[in-house]
Structures are given as structure tokens and as C-alpha cells.
Amino acid sequence: MNIIHMSSRETILAAIKGNQPPQEVLPDIEGFRNMSPGDPAAFRKVVETLGGEVIDIVQYADIKAHYKEAPALVVAVNPDFYPGAATEWQAGNGRQLEQVDLAIVPGQLGVAENGAVWVTEKELVVRVLPFIAQHLAIVLSASNIVPTMHDAYDRIGGPETGFGVFIAGPSKTADIEQSLVLGAHGAKSLTIFLLP
């Protein structure tokens, strides 16, 4: 007689595997899709309501011109975003970025209904960059603004990278003594540079 001894872990995992719910077809969201282009004015209004700022630019050179006083340490994913930005910032585990004053990253798409911008590790290079910098700027094309999150998910499709995030406004919390705190667990400010 063969006796198989299973550890508690194996017993639990076997029980979970044996009690899976049946597969369900995802709901049809075709009725929620909006084929019209996103409204940059609506996007701007929501971003500003969330505490962010939207600046219209014509070319990348306008980004540096926006900053009257140069931030101490700037990291720009695309060197054309901010000539003179740090160049040796990609190697390491993320701690090399803890003194970054301003991070400038490209955004894939914006969502008019909630002011969120979709970025992935392809744009960020180092995942922690938008969360560790004191201030965050995202460069986005107005033609990449979609009306709703349904449209955003439709545009994104399946995952192409291991990490992606919607960023909407600066980091904030209002649970500390009933006062709003900006930069609680991320960037203190968000500026979106909007290209035509």
C-alpha cells in the first residue's frame, strides 16, 4: 500500500485547484466604446481639477523654457525633452533616482473622462521613476487622448510589457488629520506637456 504524504501547503493548493469556478465569457463592452476623438479641453479640465497642470507646447524645446528656475536634477527619458538632463540614471535598482527633482517621461495615451495618462515600463525605462521624483512631467500628444477608459483599454489591448500604470494628478492623500497632503507617496506635482 502506497501512502502519499502531502504538506499543508500542497493540500491547500490541491483544494484550490480542484475548486475553480467555471470560466465566464467577458462582457460585451461594444456599447460603451466611443469612436470620436478625445477632447483635449475636457482632459485639461479634469487634470487641473486633480491638481495637475496642462501646458500646450509646439516643440520639445518649450519644455525647458517653461521652467524659469532649472531644477537641481532632471531626468528625461528622451534627451530631447530637456537638453542638459542627467544621462547616467538608468543603471541600478532605482535608488540612484532618489534625488531626482524632475522626471520627464512620454505618455502613450490620455483619458479625457478622468485625466489619467497611460505609461508603461517601455516609456519609463526604470519603473520607479514617476513615483520617486519630486515632480513629474509627462509629454503627451493631443491626438492620443481618448474619451473614456473603455476606449483606453480598447487601444491598449493585451499587455505588451510587464508593467503599466495610469497616472492621474500628483500623489495625494487626505486621510492625515483631514487635510490634503500632496506628494504623500509620489510626485508632488504633475505637469502634462501637450503637443498638437
Protein backbone atom coordinates (compact mmCIF):
# COMPACT_ATOMS: atom_id res chain seq x y z
CA MET A 1 0.00 0.00 0.00
CA ASN A 2 1.39 3.35 -1.13
CA ILE A 3 0.81 6.26 1.23
CA ILE A 4 1.35 9.73 -0.20
CA HIS A 5 2.10 12.39 2.35
CA MET A 6 1.13 15.92 1.37
CA SER A 7 2.24 19.02 3.20
CA SER A 8 -0.36 21.54 4.37
CA ARG A 9 0.67 23.81 1.52
CA GLU A 10 0.19 21.08 -1.09
CA THR A 11 -3.18 20.15 0.42
CA ILE A 12 -4.39 23.75 0.25
CA LEU A 13 -3.15 24.27 -3.31
CA ALA A 14 -4.74 20.99 -4.44
CA ALA A 15 -8.05 22.04 -2.88
CA ILE A 16 -7.92 25.41 -4.65
CA LYS A 17 -7.04 23.79 -7.97
CA GLY A 18 -9.93 21.34 -7.61
CA ASN A 19 -12.50 24.03 -6.81
CA GLN A 20 -12.06 26.56 -9.61
CA PRO A 21 -15.15 28.49 -10.73
CA PRO A 22 -16.29 27.88 -14.30
CA GLN A 23 -14.80 30.12 -16.98
CA GLU A 24 -17.03 33.05 -17.90
CA VAL A 25 -17.08 34.97 -21.15
CA LEU A 26 -16.04 38.59 -20.69
CA PRO A 27 -18.94 41.04 -21.04
CA ASP A 28 -19.51 42.78 -24.34
CA ILE A 29 -18.48 46.42 -23.94
CA GLU A 30 -19.12 47.41 -27.55
CA GLY A 31 -21.93 49.75 -26.45
CA PHE A 32 -19.52 51.67 -24.23
CA ARG A 33 -17.00 52.43 -26.93
CA ASN A 34 -16.84 55.97 -28.19
CA MET A 35 -15.35 56.24 -31.66
CA SER A 36 -14.99 60.02 -31.53
CA PRO A 37 -11.60 61.53 -30.70
CA GLY A 38 -10.87 62.53 -27.12
CA ASP A 39 -11.47 66.15 -26.14
CA PRO A 40 -8.24 67.88 -25.05
CA ALA A 41 -10.26 70.63 -23.31
CA ALA A 42 -12.15 68.05 -21.21
CA PHE A 43 -8.87 66.28 -20.44
CA ARG A 44 -7.29 69.58 -19.33
CA LYS A 45 -10.23 70.42 -17.06
CA VAL A 46 -10.05 67.08 -15.25
CA VAL A 47 -6.24 67.18 -14.90
CA GLU A 48 -6.46 70.66 -13.38
CA THR A 49 -9.27 69.57 -11.04
CA LEU A 50 -6.98 66.79 -9.82
CA GLY A 51 -4.21 69.29 -9.04
CA GLY A 52 -2.17 68.86 -12.20
CA GLU A 53 -1.24 71.35 -14.87
CA VAL A 54 -1.52 71.09 -18.66
CA ILE A 55 0.87 73.20 -20.76
CA ASP A 56 0.45 73.42 -24.54
CA ILE A 57 3.76 73.14 -26.39
CA VAL A 58 4.70 73.11 -30.04
CA GLN A 59 8.13 71.53 -29.73
CA TYR A 60 10.25 69.82 -27.08
CA ALA A 61 12.35 72.97 -26.58
CA ASP A 62 9.27 74.59 -24.98
CA ILE A 63 9.57 72.20 -22.03
CA LYS A 64 12.85 73.60 -20.75
CA ALA A 65 11.64 77.16 -21.41
CA HIS A 66 8.69 76.51 -19.06
CA TYR A 67 10.99 76.13 -16.05
CA LYS A 68 12.13 79.62 -15.02
CA GLU A 69 14.49 78.11 -12.43
CA ALA A 70 16.25 74.96 -13.53
CA PRO A 71 15.53 72.00 -11.21
CA ALA A 72 18.66 70.66 -9.50
CA LEU A 73 18.48 67.16 -11.01
CA VAL A 74 16.41 66.42 -14.10
CA VAL A 75 15.94 63.02 -15.67
CA ALA A 76 14.39 62.94 -19.15
CA VAL A 77 13.66 59.61 -20.79
CA ASN A 78 14.09 61.29 -24.16
CA PRO A 79 17.18 63.58 -24.06
CA ASP A 80 15.40 65.97 -26.47
CA PHE A 81 12.78 66.71 -23.79
CA TYR A 82 15.31 68.59 -21.65
CA PRO A 83 18.82 69.22 -23.03
CA GLY A 84 21.33 69.03 -20.20
CA ALA A 85 19.34 66.47 -18.19
CA ALA A 86 21.21 63.68 -16.38
CA THR A 87 22.44 60.98 -18.71
CA GLU A 88 23.66 58.28 -16.31
CA TRP A 89 20.45 57.31 -14.50
CA GLN A 90 19.25 54.01 -15.93
CA ALA A 91 21.68 51.60 -14.25
CA GLY A 92 20.86 50.47 -10.73
CA ASN A 93 17.95 49.26 -8.66
CA GLY A 94 16.10 52.61 -8.59
CA ARG A 95 17.87 54.09 -5.59
CA GLN A 96 20.06 56.09 -7.96
CA LEU A 97 16.93 58.18 -8.65
CA GLU A 98 16.07 59.19 -5.08
CA GLN A 99 17.48 62.73 -5.54
CA VAL A 100 15.62 63.44 -8.81
CA ASP A 101 13.79 66.76 -8.69
CA LEU A 102 12.05 66.46 -12.06
CA ALA A 103 11.36 63.39 -14.19
CA ILE A 104 10.10 63.88 -17.74
CA VAL A 105 8.55 60.84 -19.40
CA PRO A 106 6.47 60.23 -22.53
CA GLY A 107 2.85 59.12 -22.18
CA GLN A 108 1.17 56.66 -24.52
CA LEU A 109 -2.39 57.95 -24.19
CA GLY A 110 -4.57 60.19 -22.06
CA VAL A 111 -8.17 59.67 -20.95
CA ALA A 112 -10.49 62.68 -21.12
CA GLU A 113 -13.05 61.40 -18.59
CA ASN A 114 -10.59 61.07 -15.69
CA GLY A 115 -7.38 62.88 -16.69
CA ALA A 116 -5.29 59.70 -16.47
CA VAL A 117 -2.24 59.06 -18.64
CA TRP A 118 -1.12 55.52 -19.53
CA VAL A 119 2.61 54.81 -19.30
CA THR A 120 4.47 51.50 -19.36
CA GLU A 121 7.97 50.39 -18.48
CA LYS A 122 8.79 50.84 -22.17
CA GLU A 123 8.42 54.61 -21.69
CA LEU A 124 9.70 54.76 -18.10
CA VAL A 125 12.81 52.57 -18.56
CA VAL A 126 13.02 52.35 -14.73
CA ARG A 127 9.62 51.57 -13.18
CA VAL A 128 10.12 53.63 -10.05
CA LEU A 129 10.93 56.87 -11.93
CA PRO A 130 7.49 58.59 -11.81
CA PHE A 131 6.99 57.65 -8.16
CA ILE A 132 10.38 58.61 -6.73
CA ALA A 133 10.89 62.00 -8.41
CA GLN A 134 9.82 65.14 -6.54
CA HIS A 135 7.98 66.44 -9.63
CA LEU A 136 6.70 64.58 -12.70
CA ALA A 137 6.16 65.84 -16.24
CA ILE A 138 4.55 63.76 -18.97
CA VAL A 139 4.81 64.60 -22.66
CA LEU A 140 1.63 63.61 -24.49
CA SER A 141 0.25 64.17 -27.97
CA ALA A 142 -3.28 65.65 -28.04
CA SER A 143 -4.09 63.15 -30.80
CA ASN A 144 -3.55 60.35 -28.25
CA ILE A 145 -6.37 61.47 -25.94
CA VAL A 146 -9.34 59.10 -25.89
CA PRO A 147 -12.79 59.86 -24.43
CA THR A 148 -13.21 57.06 -21.86
CA MET A 149 -11.41 54.28 -20.00
CA HIS A 150 -13.24 51.78 -22.21
CA ASP A 151 -11.58 53.39 -25.22
CA ALA A 152 -8.24 53.38 -23.42
CA TYR A 153 -8.45 49.65 -22.67
CA ASP A 154 -9.53 49.02 -26.24
CA ARG A 155 -6.49 50.95 -27.52
CA ILE A 156 -4.08 49.30 -25.06
CA GLY A 157 -5.23 45.78 -25.92
CA GLY A 158 -3.20 42.94 -24.44
CA PRO A 159 -0.14 43.55 -22.30
CA GLU A 160 3.00 44.32 -24.29
CA THR A 161 5.21 44.94 -21.27
CA GLY A 162 5.40 43.62 -17.73
CA PHE A 163 4.34 46.91 -16.15
CA GLY A 164 1.92 49.70 -16.98
CA VAL A 165 0.13 52.33 -14.92
CA PHE A 166 -2.45 55.07 -15.31
CA ILE A 167 -1.22 58.26 -13.63
CA ALA A 168 -3.81 60.89 -12.74
CA GLY A 169 -2.66 64.00 -10.92
CA PRO A 170 0.06 64.42 -8.32
CA SER A 171 0.32 61.97 -5.45
CA LYS A 172 -2.02 62.95 -2.65
CA THR A 173 -3.85 61.75 0.42
CA ALA A 174 -6.50 63.40 2.59
CA ASP A 175 -6.57 60.97 5.49
CA ILE A 176 -3.97 62.73 7.65
CA GLU A 177 -5.88 64.88 10.14
CA GLN A 178 -8.44 65.72 7.44
CA SER A 179 -6.02 67.80 5.38
CA LEU A 180 -4.88 67.26 1.81
CA VAL A 181 -1.21 66.32 1.54
CA LEU A 182 0.47 66.43 -1.87
CA GLY A 183 3.44 64.18 -2.54
CA ALA A 184 2.44 61.70 0.17
CA HIS A 185 3.73 58.69 -1.73
CA GLY A 186 4.94 60.02 -5.05
CA ALA A 187 5.43 63.18 -7.08
CA LYS A 188 4.33 66.48 -5.50
CA SER A 189 3.26 67.89 -8.85
CA LEU A 190 2.21 66.67 -12.28
CA THR A 191 2.65 68.72 -15.43
CA ILE A 192 1.44 67.42 -18.75
CA PHE A 193 3.10 68.97 -21.78
CA LEU A 194 0.56 68.63 -24.56
CA LEU A 195 1.78 68.51 -28.14
CA PRO A 196 -0.65 69.20 -31.02
